[in-house]
Amino acid sequence: MTKFRLLQQLHKQLGFLQRIPLLPQFVDEQLKIGTLLFRPKVYEKMMQLIQQLKQWPQITTQYHKYGGLEFRIQGNEIAHLHGNGLLDIIFPLKFRKALVMLDGIEPHHVLETSGWISVYLSAHTNLTQVFQLLNWAYRYHSQADHWTVLLAEMEALNGEKDKTAQIKHLNN
């Protein structure tokens, strides 16, 4: 959570600015330019993520109301990617609580008690794990029996002790 302390403080002090039309999108585009110039490997991972997700069936994209690119399925947002490489993904709260025990997954950078998780992409981020998280969110929002699917996977996740085994187990 310490990674996001600065973001939390900025949101607390300047959060009112997000209500100005198009300002969040403008700021996010500036973040994206900064990422391209100063962290090109992160920008490359962001582009890989976007290109791959746009190929998934029924995924649509649009600008997120607070900046970034939003990914939706059947009208429901499943994730959004900010211009600095911050990826936010939505899950049911119980499932999110299990996920934040895994390395690299944090509660949402602003809405810490919600079902959102945040993954901060870096040059060393394993996109396989990120795509697995997105796949779970995708399946949750696209299947009629989404609760059954996630509860079974959450039970399997909680039954494992080793974090690597947890990811591999849920990947099957």
C-alpha atoms as a PDB file:
ATOM      1  CA  MET A   1       0.000   0.000   0.000  1.00  0.00           C
ATOM      2  CA  THR A   2       2.935   2.341   0.496  1.00  0.00           C
ATOM      3  CA  LYS A   3       3.422   2.469  -3.291  1.00  0.00           C
ATOM      4  CA  PHE A   4       0.176   4.364  -3.579  1.00  0.00           C
ATOM      5  CA  ARG A   5       0.490   6.735  -0.627  1.00  0.00           C
ATOM      6  CA  LEU A   6       1.427   9.662  -2.899  1.00  0.00           C
ATOM      7  CA  LEU A   7      -1.531   8.924  -5.186  1.00  0.00           C
ATOM      8  CA  GLN A   8      -3.829   8.764  -2.179  1.00  0.00           C
ATOM      9  CA  GLN A   9      -2.602  12.153  -0.920  1.00  0.00           C
ATOM     10  CA  LEU A  10      -2.965  13.725  -4.366  1.00  0.00           C
ATOM     11  CA  HIS A  11      -6.488  12.361  -4.651  1.00  0.00           C
ATOM     12  CA  LYS A  12      -7.371  13.697  -1.212  1.00  0.00           C
ATOM     13  CA  GLN A  13      -6.006  17.187  -1.960  1.00  0.00           C
ATOM     14  CA  LEU A  14      -6.898  17.515  -5.657  1.00  0.00           C
ATOM     15  CA  GLY A  15      -9.754  15.037  -6.106  1.00  0.00           C
ATOM     16  CA  PHE A  16     -12.208  17.837  -6.814  1.00  0.00           C
ATOM     17  CA  LEU A  17     -10.388  18.491 -10.133  1.00  0.00           C
ATOM     18  CA  GLN A  18     -11.601  15.185 -11.547  1.00  0.00           C
ATOM     19  CA  ARG A  19     -15.051  16.744 -11.953  1.00  0.00           C
ATOM     20  CA  ILE A  20     -13.774  19.240 -14.527  1.00  0.00           C
ATOM     21  CA  PRO A  21     -14.836  17.888 -17.938  1.00  0.00           C
ATOM     22  CA  LEU A  22     -11.990  16.189 -19.861  1.00  0.00           C
ATOM     23  CA  LEU A  23      -9.313  17.221 -17.333  1.00  0.00           C
ATOM     24  CA  PRO A  24      -8.694  13.645 -16.078  1.00  0.00           C
ATOM     25  CA  GLN A  25      -8.321  12.400 -19.655  1.00  0.00           C
ATOM     26  CA  PHE A  26      -5.946  15.268 -20.502  1.00  0.00           C
ATOM     27  CA  VAL A  27      -3.790  14.597 -17.425  1.00  0.00           C
ATOM     28  CA  ASP A  28      -3.747  10.878 -18.176  1.00  0.00           C
ATOM     29  CA  GLU A  29      -2.556  11.513 -21.733  1.00  0.00           C
ATOM     30  CA  GLN A  30       0.310  13.562 -20.287  1.00  0.00           C
ATOM     31  CA  LEU A  31       1.163  10.647 -18.001  1.00  0.00           C
ATOM     32  CA  LYS A  32       1.190   8.372 -21.038  1.00  0.00           C
ATOM     33  CA  ILE A  33       3.634  10.672 -22.852  1.00  0.00           C
ATOM     34  CA  GLY A  34       5.871  10.706 -19.782  1.00  0.00           C
ATOM     35  CA  THR A  35       5.742   6.919 -19.614  1.00  0.00           C
ATOM     36  CA  LEU A  36       6.662   6.640 -23.286  1.00  0.00           C
ATOM     37  CA  LEU A  37       9.621   9.017 -22.900  1.00  0.00           C
ATOM     38  CA  PHE A  38      10.995   7.973 -19.515  1.00  0.00           C
ATOM     39  CA  ARG A  39       9.802   4.390 -19.043  1.00  0.00           C
ATOM     40  CA  PRO A  40       9.578   2.911 -22.550  1.00  0.00           C
ATOM     41  CA  LYS A  41       9.537  -0.716 -21.344  1.00  0.00           C
ATOM     42  CA  VAL A  42       6.468   0.006 -19.220  1.00  0.00           C
ATOM     43  CA  TYR A  43       4.834   1.766 -22.190  1.00  0.00           C
ATOM     44  CA  GLU A  44       5.568  -1.298 -24.330  1.00  0.00           C
ATOM     45  CA  LYS A  45       3.896  -3.568 -21.757  1.00  0.00           C
ATOM     46  CA  MET A  46       0.901  -1.224 -21.658  1.00  0.00           C
ATOM     47  CA  MET A  47       0.553  -1.441 -25.443  1.00  0.00           C
ATOM     48  CA  GLN A  48       0.862  -5.250 -25.362  1.00  0.00           C
ATOM     49  CA  LEU A  49      -1.860  -5.399 -22.740  1.00  0.00           C
ATOM     50  CA  ILE A  50      -4.179  -3.109 -24.708  1.00  0.00           C
ATOM     51  CA  GLN A  51      -3.642  -4.947 -28.003  1.00  0.00           C
ATOM     52  CA  GLN A  52      -4.271  -8.342 -26.409  1.00  0.00           C
ATOM     53  CA  LEU A  53      -7.397  -7.270 -24.517  1.00  0.00           C
ATOM     54  CA  LYS A  54      -8.933  -5.676 -27.608  1.00  0.00           C
ATOM     55  CA  GLN A  55      -8.799  -9.118 -29.258  1.00  0.00           C
ATOM     56  CA  TRP A  56     -10.878 -10.792 -26.534  1.00  0.00           C
ATOM     57  CA  PRO A  57     -14.491 -11.491 -27.578  1.00  0.00           C
ATOM     58  CA  GLN A  58     -17.017  -8.817 -26.585  1.00  0.00           C
ATOM     59  CA  ILE A  59     -14.401  -6.462 -25.073  1.00  0.00           C
ATOM     60  CA  THR A  60     -15.010  -2.814 -25.830  1.00  0.00           C
ATOM     61  CA  THR A  61     -12.892   0.170 -24.830  1.00  0.00           C
ATOM     62  CA  GLN A  62     -13.616   3.763 -23.967  1.00  0.00           C
ATOM     63  CA  TYR A  63     -12.007   6.564 -22.024  1.00  0.00           C
ATOM     64  CA  HIS A  64     -12.378   6.105 -18.291  1.00  0.00           C
ATOM     65  CA  LYS A  65     -14.141   8.951 -16.483  1.00  0.00           C
ATOM     66  CA  TYR A  66     -11.083   9.537 -14.269  1.00  0.00           C
ATOM     67  CA  GLY A  67      -8.485   9.087 -17.013  1.00  0.00           C
ATOM     68  CA  GLY A  68      -7.097   6.001 -18.670  1.00  0.00           C
ATOM     69  CA  LEU A  69      -8.536   3.431 -21.017  1.00  0.00           C
ATOM     70  CA  GLU A  70     -11.491   1.410 -19.756  1.00  0.00           C
ATOM     71  CA  PHE A  71     -12.179  -2.204 -20.763  1.00  0.00           C
ATOM     72  CA  ARG A  72     -15.808  -3.336 -20.712  1.00  0.00           C
ATOM     73  CA  ILE A  73     -17.768  -6.504 -21.378  1.00  0.00           C
ATOM     74  CA  GLN A  74     -21.540  -6.534 -21.770  1.00  0.00           C
ATOM     75  CA  GLY A  75     -21.662  -2.958 -20.478  1.00  0.00           C
ATOM     76  CA  ASN A  76     -19.690  -3.733 -17.310  1.00  0.00           C
ATOM     77  CA  GLU A  77     -16.272  -2.304 -16.629  1.00  0.00           C
ATOM     78  CA  ILE A  78     -13.745  -5.003 -15.789  1.00  0.00           C
ATOM     79  CA  ALA A  79     -10.587  -2.876 -15.690  1.00  0.00           C
ATOM     80  CA  HIS A  80      -8.944   0.384 -16.675  1.00  0.00           C
ATOM     81  CA  LEU A  81      -5.347   1.254 -17.438  1.00  0.00           C
ATOM     82  CA  HIS A  82      -3.903   4.648 -16.530  1.00  0.00           C
ATOM     83  CA  GLY A  83      -1.191   6.368 -18.571  1.00  0.00           C
ATOM     84  CA  ASN A  84       1.463   5.721 -15.924  1.00  0.00           C
ATOM     85  CA  GLY A  85       1.009   1.934 -16.082  1.00  0.00           C
ATOM     86  CA  LEU A  86      -1.415   1.612 -13.181  1.00  0.00           C
ATOM     87  CA  LEU A  87      -3.966  -1.111 -13.934  1.00  0.00           C
ATOM     88  CA  ASP A  88      -7.148  -1.314 -11.851  1.00  0.00           C
ATOM     89  CA  ILE A  89      -9.305  -4.468 -12.015  1.00  0.00           C
ATOM     90  CA  ILE A  90     -12.695  -5.045 -10.349  1.00  0.00           C
ATOM     91  CA  PHE A  91     -13.619  -8.211  -8.426  1.00  0.00           C
ATOM     92  CA  PRO A  92     -16.152  -9.122  -5.771  1.00  0.00           C
ATOM     93  CA  LEU A  93     -14.774  -7.987  -2.412  1.00  0.00           C
ATOM     94  CA  LYS A  94     -14.287 -11.521  -1.034  1.00  0.00           C
ATOM     95  CA  PHE A  95     -12.240 -12.535  -4.064  1.00  0.00           C
ATOM     96  CA  ARG A  96     -10.234  -9.294  -3.910  1.00  0.00           C
ATOM     97  CA  LYS A  97      -9.309 -10.021  -0.303  1.00  0.00           C
ATOM     98  CA  ALA A  98      -7.761 -13.325  -1.378  1.00  0.00           C
ATOM     99  CA  LEU A  99      -5.967 -11.764  -4.353  1.00  0.00           C
ATOM    100  CA  VAL A 100      -4.181  -9.036  -2.394  1.00  0.00           C
ATOM    101  CA  MET A 101      -2.273 -11.729  -0.538  1.00  0.00           C
ATOM    102  CA  LEU A 102      -0.401 -12.429  -3.789  1.00  0.00           C
ATOM    103  CA  ASP A 103       2.784 -10.578  -4.717  1.00  0.00           C
ATOM    104  CA  GLY A 104       2.368  -7.423  -6.791  1.00  0.00           C
ATOM    105  CA  ILE A 105      -1.371  -7.062  -6.166  1.00  0.00           C
ATOM    106  CA  GLU A 106      -2.540  -4.200  -3.982  1.00  0.00           C
ATOM    107  CA  PRO A 107      -5.943  -2.912  -2.910  1.00  0.00           C
ATOM    108  CA  HIS A 108      -7.105  -0.069  -5.154  1.00  0.00           C
ATOM    109  CA  HIS A 109      -4.870   2.976  -4.872  1.00  0.00           C
ATOM    110  CA  VAL A 110      -7.778   5.173  -3.734  1.00  0.00           C
ATOM    111  CA  LEU A 111     -10.745   2.887  -2.941  1.00  0.00           C
ATOM    112  CA  GLU A 112      -8.883   0.520  -0.612  1.00  0.00           C
ATOM    113  CA  THR A 113     -11.965  -1.156   0.857  1.00  0.00           C
ATOM    114  CA  SER A 114     -13.704  -1.835  -2.461  1.00  0.00           C
ATOM    115  CA  GLY A 115     -13.448  -4.857  -4.743  1.00  0.00           C
ATOM    116  CA  TRP A 116     -10.908  -3.065  -6.934  1.00  0.00           C
ATOM    117  CA  ILE A 117      -7.276  -4.146  -7.066  1.00  0.00           C
ATOM    118  CA  SER A 118      -4.332  -2.188  -8.473  1.00  0.00           C
ATOM    119  CA  VAL A 119      -1.335  -3.601 -10.305  1.00  0.00           C
ATOM    120  CA  TYR A 120       1.454  -1.171 -11.082  1.00  0.00           C
ATOM    121  CA  LEU A 121       3.139  -2.254 -14.301  1.00  0.00           C
ATOM    122  CA  SER A 122       6.920  -2.081 -14.329  1.00  0.00           C
ATOM    123  CA  ALA A 123       9.624  -3.137 -16.754  1.00  0.00           C
ATOM    124  CA  HIS A 124       9.794  -6.451 -14.875  1.00  0.00           C
ATOM    125  CA  THR A 125       6.048  -7.152 -14.589  1.00  0.00           C
ATOM    126  CA  ASN A 126       5.062 -10.653 -15.615  1.00  0.00           C
ATOM    127  CA  LEU A 127       2.195 -10.038 -18.051  1.00  0.00           C
ATOM    128  CA  THR A 128       1.126 -13.680 -17.775  1.00  0.00           C
ATOM    129  CA  GLN A 129      -0.042 -13.048 -14.199  1.00  0.00           C
ATOM    130  CA  VAL A 130      -1.700  -9.776 -15.224  1.00  0.00           C
ATOM    131  CA  PHE A 131      -3.575 -11.505 -18.054  1.00  0.00           C
ATOM    132  CA  GLN A 132      -4.693 -14.219 -15.624  1.00  0.00           C
ATOM    133  CA  LEU A 133      -6.184 -11.573 -13.331  1.00  0.00           C
ATOM    134  CA  LEU A 134      -7.911  -9.937 -16.285  1.00  0.00           C
ATOM    135  CA  ASN A 135      -9.153 -13.338 -17.454  1.00  0.00           C
ATOM    136  CA  TRP A 136     -10.803 -13.951 -14.067  1.00  0.00           C
ATOM    137  CA  ALA A 137     -12.503 -10.544 -14.201  1.00  0.00           C
ATOM    138  CA  TYR A 138     -13.541 -11.206 -17.804  1.00  0.00           C
ATOM    139  CA  ARG A 139     -15.009 -14.602 -16.928  1.00  0.00           C
ATOM    140  CA  TYR A 140     -16.779 -13.217 -13.883  1.00  0.00           C
ATOM    141  CA  HIS A 141     -18.553 -10.558 -15.925  1.00  0.00           C
ATOM    142  CA  SER A 142     -19.249 -12.689 -19.009  1.00  0.00           C
ATOM    143  CA  GLN A 143     -20.631 -15.904 -17.505  1.00  0.00           C
ATOM    144  CA  ALA A 144     -24.061 -16.446 -16.037  1.00  0.00           C
ATOM    145  CA  ASP A 145     -22.635 -18.685 -13.314  1.00  0.00           C
ATOM    146  CA  HIS A 146     -19.923 -16.178 -12.397  1.00  0.00           C
ATOM    147  CA  TRP A 147     -20.439 -16.530  -8.646  1.00  0.00           C
ATOM    148  CA  THR A 148     -20.011 -20.303  -8.808  1.00  0.00           C
ATOM    149  CA  VAL A 149     -16.837 -19.979 -10.865  1.00  0.00           C
ATOM    150  CA  LEU A 150     -15.214 -17.381  -8.620  1.00  0.00           C
ATOM    151  CA  LEU A 151     -16.204 -19.013  -5.352  1.00  0.00           C
ATOM    152  CA  ALA A 152     -14.721 -22.340  -6.456  1.00  0.00           C
ATOM    153  CA  GLU A 153     -11.508 -20.624  -7.524  1.00  0.00           C
ATOM    154  CA  MET A 154     -11.372 -18.582  -4.331  1.00  0.00           C
ATOM    155  CA  GLU A 155     -11.721 -21.719  -2.221  1.00  0.00           C
ATOM    156  CA  ALA A 156      -8.875 -23.311  -4.169  1.00  0.00           C
ATOM    157  CA  LEU A 157      -6.802 -20.154  -3.703  1.00  0.00           C
ATOM    158  CA  ASN A 158      -7.342 -20.070   0.060  1.00  0.00           C
ATOM    159  CA  GLY A 159      -6.508 -23.771   0.387  1.00  0.00           C
ATOM    160  CA  GLU A 160      -2.988 -23.322  -1.056  1.00  0.00           C
ATOM    161  CA  LYS A 161      -0.077 -22.076   1.052  1.00  0.00           C
ATOM    162  CA  ASP A 162       2.512 -21.324  -1.637  1.00  0.00           C
ATOM    163  CA  LYS A 163       1.788 -18.142  -3.657  1.00  0.00           C
ATOM    164  CA  THR A 164       3.276 -19.536  -6.861  1.00  0.00           C
ATOM    165  CA  ALA A 165       1.167 -22.659  -6.503  1.00  0.00           C
ATOM    166  CA  GLN A 166      -1.899 -20.449  -6.015  1.00  0.00           C
ATOM    167  CA  ILE A 167      -1.403 -18.725  -9.364  1.00  0.00           C
ATOM    168  CA  LYS A 168      -0.637 -21.984 -11.183  1.00  0.00           C
ATOM    169  CA  HIS A 169      -3.611 -23.728  -9.583  1.00  0.00           C
ATOM    170  CA  LEU A 170      -6.054 -20.995 -10.619  1.00  0.00           C
ATOM    171  CA  ASN A 171      -4.559 -20.865 -14.096  1.00  0.00           C
ATOM    172  CA  ASN A 172      -5.797 -24.414 -14.804  1.00  0.00           C
END
